Protein backbone atom coordinates (compact mmCIF):
# COMPACT_ATOMS: atom_id res chain seq x y z
CA UNK A 1 0.00 0.00 0.00
CA UNK A 2 2.80 2.40 0.89
CA UNK A 3 4.55 1.48 -2.35
CA UNK A 4 1.39 2.31 -4.31
CA UNK A 5 1.04 5.67 -2.57
CA UNK A 6 4.68 6.53 -3.33
CA UNK A 7 4.25 5.68 -7.00
CA UNK A 8 1.07 7.73 -7.13
CA UNK A 9 2.85 10.73 -5.65
CA UNK A 10 5.70 10.23 -8.14
CA UNK A 11 3.16 10.21 -11.01
CA UNK A 12 1.49 13.38 -9.71
CA UNK A 13 4.86 15.13 -9.47
CA UNK A 14 5.69 14.28 -13.08
CA UNK A 15 2.23 15.44 -14.15
CA UNK A 16 2.69 18.76 -12.32
CA UNK A 17 6.07 19.24 -13.96
CA UNK A 18 4.53 18.59 -17.37
CA UNK A 19 1.77 21.09 -16.64
CA UNK A 20 4.31 23.70 -15.55
CA UNK A 21 6.27 23.13 -18.74
CA UNK A 22 3.10 23.57 -20.80
CA UNK A 23 2.26 26.78 -18.95
CA UNK A 24 5.73 28.16 -19.67
CA UNK A 25 5.28 27.41 -23.36
CA UNK A 26 1.89 29.12 -23.33
CA UNK A 27 3.36 32.13 -21.51
CA UNK A 28 6.20 32.34 -24.05
CA UNK A 29 3.76 32.22 -26.97
CA UNK A 30 1.56 34.81 -25.29
CA UNK A 31 4.54 37.12 -24.77
CA UNK A 32 5.42 36.87 -28.46
CA UNK A 33 1.82 37.69 -29.39
CA UNK A 34 1.74 40.62 -26.95
CA UNK A 35 5.03 41.95 -28.28
CA UNK A 36 3.69 41.61 -31.80
CA UNK A 37 0.55 43.53 -30.85
CA UNK A 38 2.69 46.20 -29.15
CA UNK A 39 4.75 46.48 -32.31
CA UNK A 40 1.56 46.76 -34.34
CA UNK A 41 0.10 49.50 -32.15
CA UNK A 42 3.31 51.47 -31.57
CA UNK A 43 5.17 51.19 -34.86
CA UNK A 44 2.16 51.17 -37.18
CA UNK A 45 0.83 54.14 -35.23
CA UNK A 46 4.15 55.90 -35.79
CA UNK A 47 3.84 55.13 -39.51
CA UNK A 48 0.34 56.64 -39.61
CA UNK A 49 1.46 59.74 -37.72
CA UNK A 50 4.38 60.24 -40.08
CA UNK A 51 2.13 59.73 -43.10
CA UNK A 52 -0.33 62.38 -41.89
CA UNK A 53 2.45 64.88 -41.22
CA UNK A 54 4.13 64.22 -44.56
CA UNK A 55 0.80 64.52 -46.41
CA UNK A 56 0.08 67.88 -44.78
CA UNK A 57 3.55 69.10 -45.73
CA UNK A 58 3.20 67.84 -49.31
CA UNK A 59 -0.23 69.48 -49.65
CA UNK A 60 1.12 72.81 -48.38
CA UNK A 61 4.15 72.62 -50.66
CA UNK A 62 2.03 71.84 -53.73
CA UNK A 63 -0.39 74.70 -53.03
CA UNK A 64 2.44 77.15 -52.37
CA UNK A 65 4.34 76.14 -55.49
CA UNK A 66 1.22 76.31 -57.65
CA UNK A 67 0.90 80.01 -56.84
CA UNK A 68 3.84 80.64 -59.20
CA UNK A 69 2.46 78.65 -62.13
CA UNK A 70 2.26 78.52 -65.07
CA UNK A 71 4.94 81.12 -65.78
CA UNK A 72 7.84 80.32 -63.41
CA UNK A 73 8.42 76.64 -62.69
CA UNK A 74 11.87 77.32 -61.22
CA UNK A 75 10.37 79.61 -58.58
CA UNK A 76 7.49 77.16 -58.03
CA UNK A 77 10.02 74.38 -57.36
CA UNK A 78 12.02 76.59 -54.98
CA UNK A 79 8.90 77.63 -53.04
CA UNK A 80 7.68 74.03 -52.75
CA UNK A 81 11.08 72.82 -51.53
CA UNK A 82 11.19 75.63 -48.97
CA UNK A 83 7.79 74.58 -47.59
CA UNK A 84 8.94 70.97 -47.31
CA UNK A 85 12.12 71.93 -45.46
CA UNK A 86 10.18 74.11 -43.01
CA UNK A 87 7.47 71.53 -42.31
CA UNK A 88 9.43 68.27 -42.17
CA UNK A 89 11.96 68.04 -39.35
CA UNK A 90 13.84 64.83 -40.08
CA UNK A 91 15.54 63.59 -43.24
CA UNK A 92 13.42 62.93 -46.32
CA UNK A 93 13.66 62.74 -50.09
CA UNK A 94 11.38 64.54 -52.51
CA UNK A 95 10.58 64.79 -56.18
CA UNK A 96 8.80 67.77 -57.77
CA UNK A 97 7.40 67.59 -61.28
CA UNK A 98 5.23 69.73 -63.56
CA UNK A 99 2.66 68.93 -66.21
CA UNK A 100 3.37 69.66 -69.87
CA UNK A 101 1.27 72.84 -69.72
CA UNK A 102 2.95 73.91 -66.43
CA UNK A 103 -0.48 74.31 -64.85
CA UNK A 104 0.01 71.41 -62.44
CA UNK A 105 2.69 70.67 -59.83
CA UNK A 106 3.15 67.25 -58.23
CA UNK A 107 5.10 66.85 -54.99
CA UNK A 108 6.25 63.39 -53.89
CA UNK A 109 7.85 62.84 -50.48
CA UNK A 110 9.50 59.73 -49.02
CA UNK A 111 10.69 59.27 -45.47
CA UNK A 112 12.21 56.20 -43.79
CA UNK A 113 10.71 55.39 -40.38
CA UNK A 114 12.70 53.21 -37.99
CA UNK A 115 10.70 50.79 -35.84
CA UNK A 116 11.07 50.21 -32.11
CA UNK A 117 9.22 47.03 -31.16
CA UNK A 118 8.84 45.48 -34.61
CA UNK A 119 12.59 44.82 -34.57
CA UNK A 120 11.81 41.85 -32.33
CA UNK A 121 9.93 40.38 -35.30
CA UNK A 122 12.80 41.15 -37.67
CA UNK A 123 11.23 44.29 -39.19
CA UNK A 124 13.58 47.22 -38.69
CA UNK A 125 12.05 50.03 -40.76
CA UNK A 126 9.75 50.99 -43.60
CA UNK A 127 9.34 53.85 -46.09
CA UNK A 128 6.38 56.23 -45.96
CA UNK A 129 5.46 57.60 -49.39
CA UNK A 130 2.98 60.45 -50.01
CA UNK A 131 2.16 62.68 -52.94
CA UNK A 132 0.12 65.81 -53.57
CA UNK A 133 -0.79 67.68 -56.73
CA UNK A 134 -2.18 71.17 -57.20
CA UNK A 135 -3.18 73.18 -60.24
CA UNK A 136 -3.12 76.85 -61.10
CA UNK A 137 -5.73 77.01 -63.83
CA UNK A 138 -8.48 79.21 -65.24
CA UNK A 139 -11.29 79.32 -62.72
CA UNK A 140 -14.46 77.40 -63.55
CA UNK A 141 -16.33 78.30 -60.37
CA UNK A 142 -16.06 81.10 -57.81
CA UNK A 143 -16.89 80.26 -54.21
CA UNK A 144 -18.06 83.76 -53.24
CA UNK A 145 -17.26 87.45 -53.66
CA UNK A 146 -18.48 87.91 -57.24
CA UNK A 147 -19.58 91.51 -57.95
CA UNK A 148 -22.92 92.38 -59.64
CA UNK A 149 -21.62 93.53 -63.03
CA UNK A 150 -21.09 91.55 -66.22
CA UNK A 151 -19.16 91.85 -69.45
CA UNK A 152 -19.49 90.08 -72.77
CA UNK A 153 -16.97 87.41 -73.71
CA UNK A 154 -15.91 89.44 -76.77
CA UNK A 155 -14.95 92.33 -74.45
CA UNK A 156 -12.74 90.13 -72.25
CA UNK A 157 -9.47 91.14 -73.91
CA UNK A 158 -9.99 94.87 -74.22
CA UNK A 159 -7.22 97.15 -73.01
CA UNK A 160 -7.64 100.33 -70.99
CA UNK A 161 -10.54 101.59 -68.93
CA UNK A 162 -13.64 99.42 -69.34
CA UNK A 163 -17.13 100.56 -68.34
CA UNK A 164 -18.79 97.82 -66.32
CA UNK A 165 -21.97 99.77 -65.58
CA UNK A 166 -23.16 102.76 -67.57
CA UNK A 167 -24.80 105.77 -65.95
CA UNK A 168 -27.95 107.64 -66.89
CA UNK A 169 -30.49 106.47 -69.46
CA UNK A 170 -28.93 108.55 -72.22
CA UNK A 171 -25.63 106.68 -71.87
CA UNK A 172 -27.41 103.35 -71.60
CA UNK A 173 -29.35 103.96 -74.82
CA UNK A 174 -26.09 104.74 -76.63
CA UNK A 175 -24.45 101.51 -75.45
CA UNK A 176 -24.95 98.91 -78.19
CA UNK A 177 -24.15 95.97 -75.90
CA UNK A 178 -27.01 96.59 -73.48
CA UNK A 179 -30.68 96.03 -74.17
CA UNK A 180 -33.55 98.32 -73.13
CA UNK A 181 -33.78 98.90 -69.37
CA UNK A 182 -30.32 97.46 -68.66
CA UNK A 183 -27.26 99.31 -67.42
CA UNK A 184 -24.75 96.47 -67.02
CA UNK A 185 -25.78 95.12 -63.61
CA UNK A 186 -26.73 91.51 -62.90
CA UNK A 187 -28.60 89.87 -60.04
CA UNK A 188 -26.39 87.84 -57.70
CA UNK A 189 -27.25 86.07 -54.47
CA UNK A 190 -26.89 87.95 -51.18
CA UNK A 191 -28.32 85.91 -48.33
CA UNK A 192 -31.62 84.54 -49.62
CA UNK A 193 -32.25 87.09 -52.39
CA UNK A 194 -30.63 87.84 -55.73
CA UNK A 195 -32.46 91.01 -56.76
CA UNK A 196 -33.32 94.48 -55.53
CA UNK A 197 -31.39 97.69 -54.95
CA UNK A 198 -30.21 96.80 -51.44
CA UNK A 199 -28.90 93.41 -52.54
CA UNK A 200 -27.15 95.08 -55.48
CA UNK A 201 -25.54 97.66 -53.16
CA UNK A 202 -24.31 95.01 -50.72
CA UNK A 203 -22.91 92.91 -53.56
CA UNK A 204 -20.85 95.87 -54.77
CA UNK A 205 -19.43 96.25 -51.27
CA UNK A 206 -18.69 92.66 -50.25
CA UNK A 207 -19.56 90.43 -53.20
CA UNK A 208 -22.11 87.69 -53.50
CA UNK A 209 -22.51 84.98 -50.87
CA UNK A 210 -23.38 82.44 -53.55
CA UNK A 211 -21.29 79.99 -55.58
CA UNK A 212 -21.26 80.67 -59.34
CA UNK A 213 -19.84 78.53 -62.12
CA UNK A 214 -19.43 78.38 -65.87
CA UNK A 215 -22.76 77.37 -67.37
CA UNK A 216 -24.87 78.85 -64.58
CA UNK A 217 -27.57 81.30 -65.67
CA UNK A 218 -28.01 84.71 -64.05
CA UNK A 219 -30.53 87.50 -64.60
CA UNK A 220 -29.76 90.97 -65.82
CA UNK A 221 -30.70 93.63 -63.24
CA UNK A 222 -32.78 96.44 -64.71
CA UNK A 223 -32.73 100.08 -63.68
CA UNK A 224 -29.92 102.57 -63.15
CA UNK A 225 -29.87 102.30 -59.31
CA UNK A 226 -27.69 105.41 -59.06
CA UNK A 227 -27.94 105.72 -55.26
CA UNK A 228 -27.08 102.08 -54.48
CA UNK A 229 -24.23 102.22 -57.01
CA UNK A 230 -22.69 105.25 -55.29
CA UNK A 231 -23.22 103.79 -51.82
CA UNK A 232 -21.77 100.43 -52.81
CA UNK A 233 -18.66 101.98 -54.37
CA UNK A 234 -18.08 104.21 -51.34
CA UNK A 235 -18.32 101.20 -49.03
CA UNK A 236 -15.99 99.20 -51.28
CA UNK A 237 -13.28 101.86 -51.32
CA UNK A 238 -13.67 102.52 -47.59
CA UNK A 239 -13.21 98.82 -46.85
CA UNK A 240 -10.49 97.88 -49.34
CA UNK A 241 -8.93 101.18 -50.31
CA UNK A 242 -8.06 102.24 -53.83
CA UNK A 243 -7.39 100.40 -56.03
CA UNK A 244 -9.82 97.61 -55.22
CA UNK A 245 -9.85 94.36 -57.18
CA UNK A 246 -13.18 92.76 -58.01
CA UNK A 247 -14.26 89.68 -59.98
CA UNK A 248 -17.23 89.79 -62.35
CA UNK A 249 -18.91 87.16 -64.53
CA UNK A 250 -18.34 87.02 -68.27
CA UNK A 251 -21.63 86.21 -70.02
CA UNK A 252 -22.78 85.24 -73.49
CA UNK A 253 -25.45 87.95 -73.88
CA UNK A 254 -26.36 91.33 -72.43
CA UNK A 255 -28.42 92.83 -75.23
CA UNK A 256 -31.78 91.73 -73.86
CA UNK A 257 -35.05 93.54 -73.29
CA UNK A 258 -35.60 93.96 -69.56
CA UNK A 259 -34.78 91.27 -67.01
CA UNK A 260 -33.58 88.19 -68.86
CA UNK A 261 -31.28 85.24 -68.26
CA UNK A 262 -27.70 85.15 -69.47
CA UNK A 263 -25.18 82.29 -69.19
CA UNK A 264 -21.81 82.60 -67.45
CA UNK A 265 -18.93 81.60 -69.76
CA UNK A 266 -16.03 82.74 -67.57
CA UNK A 267 -14.77 85.22 -64.99
CA UNK A 268 -12.68 88.40 -65.20
CA UNK A 269 -10.93 90.56 -62.63
CA UNK A 270 -10.93 94.35 -62.65
CA UNK A 271 -8.98 96.92 -60.72
CA UNK A 272 -11.18 99.84 -59.67
CA UNK A 273 -9.63 103.19 -58.79
CA UNK A 274 -11.51 105.82 -56.86
CA UNK A 275 -10.22 108.63 -59.08
CA UNK A 276 -11.56 106.83 -62.17
CA UNK A 277 -15.02 106.39 -60.68
CA UNK A 278 -16.07 109.97 -59.96
CA UNK A 279 -19.39 109.61 -61.80
CA UNK A 280 -21.13 107.77 -59.01
CA UNK A 281 -23.73 105.92 -61.06
CA UNK A 282 -21.07 104.48 -63.34
CA UNK A 283 -18.48 101.80 -62.62
CA UNK A 284 -15.23 101.50 -64.59
CA UNK A 285 -12.11 99.40 -64.18
CA UNK A 286 -9.09 97.84 -65.86
CA UNK A 287 -8.44 94.17 -66.54
CA UNK A 288 -5.94 92.49 -64.17
CA UNK A 289 -4.76 88.95 -63.61
CA UNK A 290 -5.92 87.54 -60.30
CA UNK A 291 -5.89 84.31 -58.26
CA UNK A 292 -9.04 83.62 -56.24
CA UNK A 293 -10.76 80.96 -54.16
CA UNK A 294 -12.56 78.54 -56.40
CA UNK A 295 -12.07 75.53 -58.63
CA UNK A 296 -9.69 75.60 -61.56
CA UNK A 297 -10.00 73.76 -64.84
CA UNK A 298 -6.92 73.25 -67.01
CA UNK A 299 -9.20 73.01 -70.06
CA UNK A 300 -11.12 76.25 -69.44
CA UNK A 301 -10.56 79.50 -71.35
CA UNK A 302 -8.11 81.77 -69.53
CA UNK A 303 -9.67 85.21 -69.00
CA UNK A 304 -7.09 86.14 -66.35
CA UNK A 305 -8.80 84.82 -63.22
CA UNK A 306 -7.21 81.61 -61.99
CA UNK A 307 -7.72 79.30 -59.03
CA UNK A 308 -5.22 77.24 -57.07
CA UNK A 309 -6.51 74.00 -55.60
CA UNK A 310 -5.46 70.45 -54.81
CA UNK A 311 -6.43 67.81 -57.34
CA UNK A 312 -4.77 64.72 -55.79
């Protein structure tokens, strides 16, 4: 009986040792899994953080460089590189390229990220690659700020002082591009309304609150509205000084009878000077090139107003 008990205890001891050995194996496997998960969370998180920072830097560099297009790619490259150097602390490599028309800049950035915990799994590092592209192209839509005057597409390349809105009825009748009752004004959205003297005055001062694009139809605004014209110009010059730059729609037709629809075919920028607008019911300006908030289109007709925006 004692011999049986001894052998039983010996068997239990061996069984306990086997169990302890199995537990150690399980613990070892668990540690490897936990280390792998730590590597996943820590090192992959570091990759994601680096990717986000590099993408933001590439976006900024592309937008900054695009400001100099399409005329000076050397300056565009220099500006983009400067933005990358200021926004990325550690070592990186970059490649900057331009489209054939020089209206698009592409910025590619690569950075090697060294791992901390993934080294245990034999993975020491990995490259993070990002790219961004921006265009400087003729604007196809204007987000806001459009002023309530319009010109015809055939007048878009005239040189010198251009009359955007004529004055009294006598001058309007002599203008062969305007139909009866029209003086060159158009109705643009201000708040919830796109017509009326007060809306017209506010649009001269601050521009429309609406989004306008090529192909959108707008109404001509009838009547001279001498008082609102004078008030709007005074507010504009008081707010922005002289000269003030405004953007107006280019339309396909203005010789219409009364209030009629006309289609936007482009956008033009004008520089208004206070000394050239002394007749307060008239508005005159000179064509200028201008970059505004909006969407560009490399295939659109270039009337001098361009937009810079990311496309990739």
